[in-house]
């Protein structure tokens, strides 16, 4: 069997690992357009801020692909696919044949059509090369940066640059993180960013990027205001990287459409990660939930199916996690129903204490949890995530979740007991011990986990 993987990130790693669980002898070739080993993209912000060194960015050990028997083509861009002839065309190289193909080309920044955007000093913030370029510019004397965009990537870029000691201005059309937070959550995020010394300008677009000798010197807003700067980070949103499959006959919507086995229009071609449109659990239809854990899990399921197993993907929920001024912010599923534009009626429960930077919100539809926002306090955040993913009927306890009342505590205890009692772990064949480990629910251990009362609990749930 000949496996070819286009892409070299979380989904690719998940696929390689699961293929080797099933098929230890098949040929695997990985084609990645970046000239380096697989690394953790979410960590590049910490690299720019000098919280971690480059050696700490690796997502797997340097010899990972070698140990897995994978032939790698780094710095090699795939420019075409012959789905009928089962061949991939790498740039400036001979075609590569495949029996099973995985497309995990990720997402790409949607670059705005702006005068001056091609100048030196204008950069995105997605890849290792971007991080190195930013660090080089800072060493060269860039002391003020303009970040265009207020989404997740824009926030990570702004925070890391501010931590690196430069002045940062964020240009935001409407509000920060508007795709994953509601109005109140965005306002709290903006306030926290400003406390970190990041200037936020809202409601104005960029007219052009100005420069001298093809080098950026300023950003001009649509009201004529000029912001001098030595670096511009474009973070105006991302979209699945569909360039390779455009007009190919492969079905696409927001991303490459796949079935529950991660198969595309062609049964021997699979897609996973940010480029794939998979089943969204709370929404009940296809969606692109682009984040690192989802990508790895989708790659893992794709790899199992590529190698001959029949394992369905259960779906995912969107989830964004960030910390601003040491305040954690988590958004899950349908966090802002008003932005869904689906015509459905949702119910929300909110608990907040703005003085303590605490904001919690739950979104329900027909007594099922569909989404949540946690700012400042993550109490029961994990349990809420599990309830969203499992689409557990929670009508009987929805009024006691945020107050962490006895009813919710008892409900979780029963759910845990049902899940654990009489289940067992069968050890892999490589383990010396082969006796199955029988799980059981420990009442005493569970009770010890109950948290003490917090003063802010007395705030009313709305």
Protein backbone atom coordinates (compact mmCIF):
# COMPACT_ATOMS: atom_id res chain seq x y z
CA UNK A 1 0.00 0.00 0.00
CA UNK A 2 1.28 3.44 -0.94
CA UNK A 3 0.16 6.32 1.29
CA UNK A 4 0.81 9.96 0.39
CA UNK A 5 0.15 12.83 2.82
CA UNK A 6 0.12 16.44 1.62
CA UNK A 7 0.80 18.69 4.59
CA UNK A 8 3.03 18.53 7.64
CA UNK A 9 1.20 19.56 10.78
CA UNK A 10 -1.08 18.12 13.46
CA UNK A 11 -3.35 16.18 11.07
CA UNK A 12 -0.36 14.65 9.28
CA UNK A 13 1.17 13.45 12.55
CA UNK A 14 -2.15 11.96 13.68
CA UNK A 15 -2.48 10.13 10.35
CA UNK A 16 1.07 8.74 10.39
CA UNK A 17 0.67 7.41 13.92
CA UNK A 18 -2.64 5.69 13.23
CA UNK A 19 -1.56 4.26 9.86
CA UNK A 20 1.36 2.61 11.60
CA UNK A 21 -0.99 1.14 14.22
CA UNK A 22 -2.63 -0.85 11.44
CA UNK A 23 -0.08 -1.12 8.64
CA UNK A 24 3.56 -1.43 9.67
CA UNK A 25 4.99 -2.11 6.21
CA UNK A 26 3.14 0.16 3.77
CA UNK A 27 5.04 3.01 2.10
CA UNK A 28 4.27 6.48 3.47
CA UNK A 29 5.42 9.68 1.79
CA UNK A 30 4.84 13.11 3.30
CA UNK A 31 5.00 16.26 1.18
CA UNK A 32 5.30 19.53 3.12
CA UNK A 33 5.83 22.99 1.68
CA UNK A 34 7.79 24.24 4.70
CA UNK A 35 11.51 23.34 4.78
CA UNK A 36 11.49 22.01 8.34
CA UNK A 37 10.37 19.25 10.66
CA UNK A 38 6.85 19.32 12.12
CA UNK A 39 6.42 21.96 14.83
CA UNK A 40 3.61 23.35 16.98
CA UNK A 41 2.15 26.37 15.21
CA UNK A 42 0.28 27.61 18.30
CA UNK A 43 3.69 27.98 19.97
CA UNK A 44 5.20 30.50 17.55
CA UNK A 45 3.72 33.39 19.54
CA UNK A 46 5.64 32.18 22.61
CA UNK A 47 8.77 31.92 20.45
CA UNK A 48 8.44 35.55 19.32
CA UNK A 49 7.87 36.61 22.94
CA UNK A 50 11.01 34.62 23.87
CA UNK A 51 9.11 32.48 26.36
CA UNK A 52 10.43 29.37 24.60
CA UNK A 53 13.38 28.56 22.37
CA UNK A 54 13.15 27.14 18.86
CA UNK A 55 14.14 23.71 20.16
CA UNK A 56 10.92 23.65 22.19
CA UNK A 57 8.64 24.11 19.17
CA UNK A 58 8.97 20.56 17.79
CA UNK A 59 5.65 18.70 17.81
CA UNK A 60 7.42 15.33 17.63
CA UNK A 61 11.07 14.30 18.13
CA UNK A 62 13.46 15.01 15.25
CA UNK A 63 13.63 11.32 14.32
CA UNK A 64 9.86 10.78 14.47
CA UNK A 65 9.26 10.31 10.75
CA UNK A 66 12.36 8.15 10.41
CA UNK A 67 11.15 5.87 13.20
CA UNK A 68 7.75 5.68 11.54
CA UNK A 69 9.31 4.75 8.20
CA UNK A 70 8.05 7.90 6.46
CA UNK A 71 9.79 9.35 3.42
CA UNK A 72 9.65 13.15 3.72
CA UNK A 73 9.82 15.87 1.10
CA UNK A 74 10.32 19.12 3.02
CA UNK A 75 10.18 22.46 1.25
CA UNK A 76 8.27 20.83 -1.56
CA UNK A 77 4.91 22.24 -2.64
CA UNK A 78 2.30 19.99 -4.22
CA UNK A 79 0.92 21.81 -7.27
CA UNK A 80 -1.52 19.29 -8.72
CA UNK A 81 -3.41 16.05 -8.14
CA UNK A 82 -4.59 13.56 -10.73
CA UNK A 83 -7.39 11.86 -8.85
CA UNK A 84 -8.16 9.37 -11.64
CA UNK A 85 -4.55 8.46 -12.34
CA UNK A 86 -3.79 8.58 -8.58
CA UNK A 87 -0.75 10.84 -8.83
CA UNK A 88 0.45 13.95 -6.99
CA UNK A 89 2.59 16.53 -8.76
CA UNK A 90 5.21 18.15 -6.51
CA UNK A 91 6.67 21.40 -7.79
CA UNK A 92 9.72 20.81 -10.03
CA UNK A 93 9.75 17.09 -9.23
CA UNK A 94 8.49 13.84 -10.74
CA UNK A 95 4.91 12.78 -10.03
CA UNK A 96 4.26 10.61 -6.99
CA UNK A 97 1.80 7.71 -7.20
CA UNK A 98 -0.58 6.87 -4.39
CA UNK A 99 -3.10 4.24 -3.36
CA UNK A 100 -4.43 6.35 -0.49
CA UNK A 101 -4.08 10.12 -0.30
CA UNK A 102 -4.59 12.48 2.64
CA UNK A 103 -4.99 16.22 2.00
CA UNK A 104 -4.21 18.24 5.10
CA UNK A 105 -3.04 21.53 3.63
CA UNK A 106 -4.42 23.58 6.52
CA UNK A 107 -5.64 27.14 6.22
CA UNK A 108 -4.24 30.33 4.76
CA UNK A 109 -4.58 34.02 5.65
CA UNK A 110 -7.11 35.87 3.53
CA UNK A 111 -5.00 38.80 2.37
CA UNK A 112 -6.88 42.07 1.78
CA UNK A 113 -6.48 43.96 -1.47
CA UNK A 114 -4.46 46.91 -0.18
CA UNK A 115 -1.99 49.21 -1.84
CA UNK A 116 1.46 48.53 -0.39
CA UNK A 117 0.69 45.09 1.02
CA UNK A 118 3.62 43.56 -0.91
CA UNK A 119 6.18 45.83 0.75
CA UNK A 120 9.00 44.68 2.98
CA UNK A 121 7.85 44.66 6.59
CA UNK A 122 4.32 43.34 5.90
CA UNK A 123 3.91 39.81 7.23
CA UNK A 124 1.35 37.19 8.30
CA UNK A 125 1.61 35.26 11.57
CA UNK A 126 1.01 31.60 10.80
CA UNK A 127 4.28 29.80 10.17
CA UNK A 128 7.77 29.37 11.55
CA UNK A 129 9.17 31.58 8.77
CA UNK A 130 6.80 34.36 9.88
CA UNK A 131 8.07 34.11 13.45
CA UNK A 132 11.72 34.26 12.36
CA UNK A 133 10.99 37.23 10.11
CA UNK A 134 9.25 39.11 12.92
CA UNK A 135 12.18 38.48 15.28
CA UNK A 136 14.63 39.70 12.63
CA UNK A 137 12.62 42.90 12.16
CA UNK A 138 12.58 43.54 15.89
CA UNK A 139 16.34 43.08 16.04
CA UNK A 140 16.66 45.51 13.14
CA UNK A 141 14.98 48.22 15.17
CA UNK A 142 11.23 47.96 14.48
CA UNK A 143 9.72 49.52 17.61
CA UNK A 144 6.08 49.89 16.62
CA UNK A 145 3.82 47.28 15.04
CA UNK A 146 0.35 47.54 13.54
CA UNK A 147 -1.74 44.37 13.67
CA UNK A 148 -4.59 44.38 11.15
CA UNK A 149 -7.38 42.15 12.47
CA UNK A 150 -8.81 41.26 15.85
CA UNK A 151 -9.26 37.50 15.56
CA UNK A 152 -7.41 34.72 17.36
CA UNK A 153 -4.23 35.02 15.28
CA UNK A 154 -4.25 38.81 15.61
CA UNK A 155 -4.53 38.57 19.38
CA UNK A 156 -1.67 36.07 19.65
CA UNK A 157 0.51 38.24 17.44
CA UNK A 158 -0.30 41.43 19.36
CA UNK A 159 0.33 39.85 22.75
CA UNK A 160 3.63 38.23 21.77
CA UNK A 161 4.92 41.44 20.20
CA UNK A 162 3.90 43.49 23.21
CA UNK A 163 5.64 41.00 25.48
CA UNK A 164 8.72 41.34 23.24
CA UNK A 165 8.78 45.02 24.21
CA UNK A 166 7.37 46.87 21.19
CA UNK A 167 4.40 49.23 20.90
CA UNK A 168 1.39 47.53 19.33
CA UNK A 169 -1.70 49.00 17.67
CA UNK A 170 -4.57 46.67 16.75
CA UNK A 171 -6.95 47.71 13.98
CA UNK A 172 -10.33 46.05 14.42
CA UNK A 173 -13.32 46.57 12.12
CA UNK A 174 -16.01 45.82 14.71
CA UNK A 175 -14.81 44.04 17.87
CA UNK A 176 -12.12 41.68 19.09
CA UNK A 177 -12.70 37.94 18.54
CA UNK A 178 -16.15 38.59 17.14
CA UNK A 179 -16.39 35.11 15.60
CA UNK A 180 -15.92 33.29 18.91
CA UNK A 181 -17.11 35.71 21.61
CA UNK A 182 -20.31 37.65 22.14
CA UNK A 183 -20.40 41.42 22.59
CA UNK A 184 -19.80 41.31 26.35
CA UNK A 185 -16.99 38.78 26.04
CA UNK A 186 -15.32 40.88 23.37
CA UNK A 187 -15.55 43.99 25.54
CA UNK A 188 -13.82 42.18 28.39
CA UNK A 189 -11.08 40.92 26.06
CA UNK A 190 -10.53 44.45 24.72
CA UNK A 191 -10.27 45.88 28.23
CA UNK A 192 -7.69 43.25 29.18
CA UNK A 193 -5.64 43.90 26.03
CA UNK A 194 -5.59 47.61 26.82
CA UNK A 195 -4.33 46.81 30.32
CA UNK A 196 -1.42 45.05 28.65
CA UNK A 197 -0.60 48.29 26.84
CA UNK A 198 -2.05 47.36 23.45
CA UNK A 199 -3.84 50.21 21.68
CA UNK A 200 -7.08 49.21 19.93
CA UNK A 201 -8.61 51.28 17.12
CA UNK A 202 -12.08 50.12 16.10
CA UNK A 203 -14.42 50.99 13.26
CA UNK A 204 -11.85 52.03 10.68
CA UNK A 205 -10.45 50.16 7.72
CA UNK A 206 -7.02 50.50 6.15
CA UNK A 207 -6.77 52.72 3.06
CA UNK A 208 -3.17 51.84 2.22
CA UNK A 209 0.22 50.84 3.58
CA UNK A 210 2.86 53.49 2.94
CA UNK A 211 6.61 53.08 2.71
CA UNK A 212 9.94 54.33 1.53
CA UNK A 213 12.34 52.36 -0.69
CA UNK A 214 9.79 49.54 -0.73
CA UNK A 215 9.90 49.35 3.06
CA UNK A 216 6.81 49.93 5.25
CA UNK A 217 6.76 53.14 7.26
CA UNK A 218 3.09 53.73 8.09
CA UNK A 219 -0.51 52.58 7.80
CA UNK A 220 -3.15 55.02 6.54
CA UNK A 221 -6.72 54.56 7.79
CA UNK A 222 -9.89 55.29 5.84
CA UNK A 223 -10.39 58.52 7.82
CA UNK A 224 -6.97 59.80 6.77
CA UNK A 225 -5.22 59.06 10.07
CA UNK A 226 -1.61 57.94 9.72
CA UNK A 227 -0.01 55.42 12.09
CA UNK A 228 3.80 55.30 11.79
CA UNK A 229 5.20 51.77 12.17
CA UNK A 230 8.08 49.55 11.17
CA UNK A 231 6.12 46.30 10.87
CA UNK A 232 2.59 45.33 9.82
CA UNK A 233 1.06 41.97 10.76
CA UNK A 234 -1.89 40.99 8.57
CA UNK A 235 -4.35 38.86 10.57
CA UNK A 236 -7.59 39.51 8.71
CA UNK A 237 -8.87 35.97 9.03
CA UNK A 238 -8.06 32.56 7.59
CA UNK A 239 -9.78 30.22 5.15
CA UNK A 240 -9.19 26.56 4.23
CA UNK A 241 -6.34 26.25 1.75
CA UNK A 242 -8.27 24.88 -1.25
CA UNK A 243 -5.85 26.04 -3.93
CA UNK A 244 -4.74 22.47 -4.72
CA UNK A 245 -8.28 21.15 -5.32
CA UNK A 246 -9.95 24.12 -7.03
CA UNK A 247 -11.83 22.98 -10.16
CA UNK A 248 -10.66 19.40 -9.56
CA UNK A 249 -14.07 17.79 -9.18
CA UNK A 250 -13.57 17.33 -5.46
CA UNK A 251 -16.64 18.56 -3.58
CA UNK A 252 -15.95 21.65 -1.49
CA UNK A 253 -18.06 24.04 0.56
CA UNK A 254 -16.40 25.96 3.39
CA UNK A 255 -13.67 23.34 3.11
CA UNK A 256 -13.21 19.94 1.48
CA UNK A 257 -16.40 18.03 2.22
CA UNK A 258 -15.79 14.64 3.86
CA UNK A 259 -18.03 11.86 5.13
CA UNK A 260 -17.88 10.29 8.60
CA UNK A 261 -14.84 8.27 7.53
CA UNK A 262 -12.98 11.39 6.39
CA UNK A 263 -13.38 10.38 2.74
CA UNK A 264 -13.84 12.97 0.01
CA UNK A 265 -15.63 12.63 -3.33
CA UNK A 266 -13.06 9.95 -4.17
CA UNK A 267 -13.14 7.01 -1.75
CA UNK A 268 -9.33 6.66 -1.65
CA UNK A 269 -8.76 10.38 -1.03
CA UNK A 270 -9.17 11.73 2.50
CA UNK A 271 -9.02 15.19 4.06
CA UNK A 272 -8.40 16.32 7.65
CA UNK A 273 -7.55 19.39 9.70
CA UNK A 274 -8.28 23.02 8.89
CA UNK A 275 -8.90 22.28 5.20
CA UNK A 276 -11.69 19.78 5.89
CA UNK A 277 -15.37 20.44 6.47
CA UNK A 278 -16.39 17.89 9.08
CA UNK A 279 -19.42 17.27 11.28
CA UNK A 280 -19.99 20.01 13.87
CA UNK A 281 -21.71 18.43 16.88
CA UNK A 282 -23.70 21.38 18.33
CA UNK A 283 -24.63 22.76 14.91
CA UNK A 284 -25.57 19.36 13.49
CA UNK A 285 -24.02 19.92 10.07
CA UNK A 286 -20.69 20.36 8.29
CA UNK A 287 -18.37 23.09 9.52
CA UNK A 288 -14.65 23.93 9.60
CA UNK A 289 -13.53 23.78 13.22
CA UNK A 290 -9.93 24.85 12.83
CA UNK A 291 -7.83 24.12 15.88
CA UNK A 292 -4.87 21.95 16.76
CA UNK A 293 -6.58 19.16 18.79
CA UNK A 294 -9.36 18.78 16.20
CA UNK A 295 -6.80 18.54 13.40
CA UNK A 296 -4.81 15.80 15.14
CA UNK A 297 -7.93 13.77 15.93
CA UNK A 298 -9.25 14.09 12.38
CA UNK A 299 -5.87 13.00 11.04
CA UNK A 300 -5.87 10.04 13.40
CA UNK A 301 -9.31 8.89 12.22
CA UNK A 302 -8.36 9.47 8.57
CA UNK A 303 -5.21 7.39 9.01
CA UNK A 304 -7.11 4.45 10.50
CA UNK A 305 -9.56 4.46 7.61
CA UNK A 306 -6.80 4.86 5.04
CA UNK A 307 -5.14 1.75 6.46
CA UNK A 308 -8.31 -0.33 6.17
CA UNK A 309 -10.13 0.09 9.45
CA UNK A 310 -13.69 1.39 9.42
CA UNK A 311 -13.75 4.00 12.19
CA UNK A 312 -16.29 6.85 12.05
CA UNK A 313 -15.41 10.36 13.14
CA UNK A 314 -17.84 11.47 15.84
CA UNK A 315 -17.50 15.18 15.06
CA UNK A 316 -16.04 18.16 16.84
CA UNK A 317 -16.86 21.45 18.48
CA UNK A 318 -15.12 24.76 17.85
CA UNK A 319 -12.94 25.70 20.80
CA UNK A 320 -10.67 28.68 21.35
CA UNK A 321 -8.48 29.17 24.41
CA UNK A 322 -6.37 32.24 25.14
CA UNK A 323 -5.08 34.11 28.18
CA UNK A 324 -4.98 37.91 28.30
CA UNK A 325 -3.32 39.68 31.22
CA UNK A 326 -3.31 36.32 33.04
CA UNK A 327 -7.09 36.02 32.63
CA UNK A 328 -8.12 32.80 30.83
CA UNK A 329 -10.76 32.98 28.09
CA UNK A 330 -12.44 29.89 26.65
CA UNK A 331 -15.06 29.80 23.89
CA UNK A 332 -16.79 26.58 22.84
CA UNK A 333 -19.38 25.65 20.24
CA UNK A 334 -22.12 28.19 19.53
CA UNK A 335 -20.96 30.95 21.87
CA UNK A 336 -22.81 33.83 20.19
CA UNK A 337 -26.20 32.67 18.84
CA UNK A 338 -26.92 36.08 17.30
CA UNK A 339 -24.00 35.58 14.91
CA UNK A 340 -25.24 32.19 13.68
CA UNK A 341 -27.89 33.59 11.33
CA UNK A 342 -29.68 30.22 11.36
CA UNK A 343 -33.15 31.44 12.37
CA UNK A 344 -33.20 29.21 15.46
CA UNK A 345 -34.19 30.31 18.94
CA UNK A 346 -31.61 29.80 21.67
CA UNK A 347 -31.73 30.23 25.43
CA UNK A 348 -28.82 31.64 27.42
CA UNK A 349 -27.74 31.65 31.06
CA UNK A 350 -25.18 34.23 32.19
CA UNK A 351 -23.22 34.80 35.36
CA UNK A 352 -20.74 37.62 35.70
CA UNK A 353 -18.66 39.73 38.02
CA UNK A 354 -16.95 42.36 35.89
CA UNK A 355 -14.88 43.69 38.80
CA UNK A 356 -13.27 40.26 39.17
CA UNK A 357 -12.97 39.75 35.38
CA UNK A 358 -15.43 36.86 35.54
CA UNK A 359 -17.99 36.15 32.83
CA UNK A 360 -19.70 32.82 32.20
CA UNK A 361 -22.33 32.11 29.59
CA UNK A 362 -24.13 28.94 28.52
CA UNK A 363 -26.12 28.57 25.29
CA UNK A 364 -28.98 26.06 25.11
CA UNK A 365 -31.23 24.80 22.34
CA UNK A 366 -34.11 22.47 23.25
CA UNK A 367 -32.51 21.68 26.62
CA UNK A 368 -29.18 20.70 25.05
CA UNK A 369 -25.97 22.65 25.64
CA UNK A 370 -24.78 24.13 22.37
CA UNK A 371 -22.00 26.46 23.44
CA UNK A 372 -20.32 28.34 26.27
CA UNK A 373 -17.99 31.19 27.20
CA UNK A 374 -15.79 31.16 30.30
CA UNK A 375 -13.77 34.24 31.22
CA UNK A 376 -11.69 34.47 34.38
CA UNK A 377 -13.03 31.36 36.09
CA UNK A 378 -13.03 27.98 34.39
CA UNK A 379 -15.01 26.10 37.03
CA UNK A 380 -16.73 23.10 35.38
CA UNK A 381 -15.49 24.24 31.97
CA UNK A 382 -14.35 20.68 31.22
CA UNK A 383 -17.68 19.19 32.25
CA UNK A 384 -19.55 21.70 30.08
CA UNK A 385 -17.33 20.83 27.10
CA UNK A 386 -18.12 17.13 27.57
CA UNK A 387 -21.86 17.86 27.75
CA UNK A 388 -21.68 19.84 24.50
CA UNK A 389 -19.73 17.08 22.74
CA UNK A 390 -22.03 14.32 23.98
CA UNK A 391 -25.18 16.40 23.39
CA UNK A 392 -26.49 15.19 26.72
CA UNK A 393 -30.02 16.26 27.65
CA UNK A 394 -29.44 18.76 30.49
CA UNK A 395 -32.84 20.40 30.89
CA UNK A 396 -33.23 19.09 34.42
CA UNK A 397 -30.05 20.80 35.65
CA UNK A 398 -29.50 23.76 33.32
CA UNK A 399 -30.50 26.26 36.00
CA UNK A 400 -27.91 24.90 38.43
CA UNK A 401 -24.83 24.61 36.19
CA UNK A 402 -23.39 28.11 36.63
CA UNK A 403 -24.32 28.24 40.29
CA UNK A 404 -22.68 24.82 40.66
CA UNK A 405 -25.64 23.71 42.68
CA UNK A 406 -26.20 20.30 44.21
CA UNK A 407 -28.41 19.20 41.30
CA UNK A 408 -25.61 19.68 38.78
CA UNK A 409 -23.05 18.09 41.09
CA UNK A 410 -25.30 15.04 41.52
CA UNK A 411 -25.96 14.90 37.76
CA UNK A 412 -22.23 14.85 36.95
CA UNK A 413 -21.61 12.23 39.58
CA UNK A 414 -24.22 9.94 38.08
CA UNK A 415 -22.92 10.51 34.55
CA UNK A 416 -19.39 9.65 35.66
CA UNK A 417 -20.55 6.56 37.52
CA UNK A 418 -22.42 5.25 34.46
CA UNK A 419 -19.37 5.85 32.26
CA UNK A 420 -16.86 4.20 34.60
CA UNK A 421 -18.62 1.33 36.31
CA UNK A 422 -17.70 -2.09 34.89
CA UNK A 423 -15.70 -0.65 31.96
CA UNK A 424 -12.19 -2.00 31.50
CA UNK A 425 -8.87 -1.31 29.79
CA UNK A 426 -7.46 -4.03 27.56
CA UNK A 427 -3.69 -3.63 27.46
CA UNK A 428 -1.94 -3.66 24.04
CA UNK A 429 -0.21 -6.88 22.99
CA UNK A 430 3.19 -5.26 23.57
CA UNK A 431 2.48 -4.97 27.31
CA UNK A 432 3.62 -7.76 29.65
CA UNK A 433 0.46 -7.50 31.74
CA UNK A 434 -2.53 -8.79 29.83
CA UNK A 435 -5.17 -8.95 32.59
CA UNK A 436 -7.88 -6.35 31.76
CA UNK A 437 -8.03 -3.48 34.23
CA UNK A 438 -11.58 -3.15 35.55
CA UNK A 439 -12.67 0.39 36.37
CA UNK A 440 -15.01 1.29 39.20
CA UNK A 441 -16.56 4.48 40.55
CA UNK A 442 -14.93 5.71 43.77
CA UNK A 443 -17.46 7.67 45.81
CA UNK A 444 -14.92 8.93 48.33
CA UNK A 445 -12.49 10.14 45.67
CA UNK A 446 -15.27 11.94 43.80
CA UNK A 447 -16.51 13.69 46.93
CA UNK A 448 -13.02 15.04 47.64
CA UNK A 449 -13.17 16.86 44.33
CA UNK A 450 -16.05 19.07 45.40
CA UNK A 451 -14.88 22.66 45.46
CA UNK A 452 -15.32 25.12 48.30
CA UNK A 453 -17.79 27.97 48.02
CA UNK A 454 -16.54 31.11 46.25
CA UNK A 455 -17.82 34.56 47.14
CA UNK A 456 -18.77 35.49 43.60
CA UNK A 457 -21.20 32.56 43.42
CA UNK A 458 -23.73 34.79 45.11
CA UNK A 459 -24.06 36.76 41.88
CA UNK A 460 -27.41 36.12 40.24
CA UNK A 461 -27.65 33.86 37.21
CA UNK A 462 -29.47 35.67 34.40
